[in-house]
Amino acid sequence: LEFAVQMSCHGCADSVRAALEAAPDVKLLELRPQEQSVLVETTAAAERVRELLENSGCRAVLKGMGGSSD
């Protein structure tokens, strides 16, 4: 899943990283604060991941999703 996340500083990015790492079913693949983009691999619903991101204090919108390669 790829999310657009409003990250205005490195503190925001740290909060996003901490929120996602606390979730056992979410694997953070890429965190790009300059592009305001977060890429994760998960078995959880997209809405659950969006809630995790927004609980970090940043607004988040799902940009896209892809299937697994296995």
Protein backbone atom coordinates (compact mmCIF):
# COMPACT_ATOMS: atom_id res chain seq x y z
CA LEU A 1 0.00 0.00 0.00
CA GLU A 2 1.21 3.50 -0.74
CA PHE A 3 -0.03 6.45 1.28
CA ALA A 4 0.35 10.19 0.85
CA VAL A 5 1.14 11.43 4.37
CA GLN A 6 1.49 15.08 5.40
CA MET A 7 4.89 15.14 7.11
CA SER A 8 6.15 18.66 7.76
CA CYS A 9 9.30 17.78 9.74
CA HIS A 10 11.56 14.91 10.77
CA GLY A 11 9.56 14.61 14.00
CA CYS A 12 6.51 13.75 11.89
CA ALA A 13 8.45 11.09 10.02
CA ASP A 14 9.70 9.65 13.33
CA SER A 15 6.11 9.53 14.65
CA VAL A 16 4.93 7.75 11.50
CA ARG A 17 7.79 5.22 11.75
CA ALA A 18 7.02 4.54 15.43
CA ALA A 19 3.28 4.10 14.78
CA LEU A 20 3.88 1.59 11.99
CA GLU A 21 6.63 -0.34 13.77
CA ALA A 22 4.28 -0.84 16.74
CA ALA A 23 1.86 -2.76 14.49
CA PRO A 24 2.97 -6.41 14.08
CA ASP A 25 1.03 -6.91 10.83
CA VAL A 26 2.56 -3.88 9.06
CA LYS A 27 6.03 -3.82 7.48
CA LEU A 28 7.40 -0.38 6.60
CA LEU A 29 9.11 -0.57 3.19
CA GLU A 30 9.80 3.10 2.42
CA LEU A 31 9.41 6.35 4.34
CA ARG A 32 10.07 9.43 2.18
CA PRO A 33 9.32 12.64 4.09
CA GLN A 34 10.35 14.93 1.21
CA GLU A 35 7.86 13.24 -1.14
CA GLN A 36 5.35 12.86 1.74
CA SER A 37 5.05 9.19 0.83
CA VAL A 38 4.90 5.98 2.88
CA LEU A 39 5.05 2.48 1.37
CA VAL A 40 4.06 -0.52 3.49
CA GLU A 41 3.46 -4.24 3.09
CA THR A 42 0.64 -5.57 5.25
CA THR A 43 -2.03 -8.18 5.79
CA ALA A 44 -4.18 -5.55 7.55
CA ALA A 45 -6.93 -3.58 5.85
CA ALA A 46 -5.92 -0.30 4.19
CA GLU A 47 -8.27 1.59 6.52
CA ARG A 48 -6.46 0.16 9.57
CA VAL A 49 -3.09 1.32 8.23
CA ARG A 50 -4.53 4.78 7.48
CA GLU A 51 -5.78 4.96 11.07
CA LEU A 52 -2.31 4.05 12.36
CA LEU A 53 -0.78 6.79 10.23
CA GLU A 54 -3.33 9.38 11.37
CA ASN A 55 -2.84 8.36 15.02
CA SER A 56 0.75 9.55 14.59
CA GLY A 57 -0.67 13.07 14.12
CA CYS A 58 -0.32 13.24 10.33
CA ARG A 59 -3.11 13.27 7.73
CA ALA A 60 -2.97 10.28 5.37
CA VAL A 61 -4.63 9.24 2.10
CA LEU A 62 -4.30 5.90 0.31
CA LYS A 63 -2.60 6.49 -3.07
CA GLY A 64 -2.48 2.96 -4.37
CA MET A 65 -2.18 -0.75 -3.73
CA GLY A 66 -0.75 -3.77 -5.44
CA GLY A 67 -0.96 -7.52 -4.98
CA SER A 68 1.74 -9.79 -3.64
CA SER A 69 4.11 -11.46 -6.09
CA ASP A 70 3.70 -14.94 -4.55
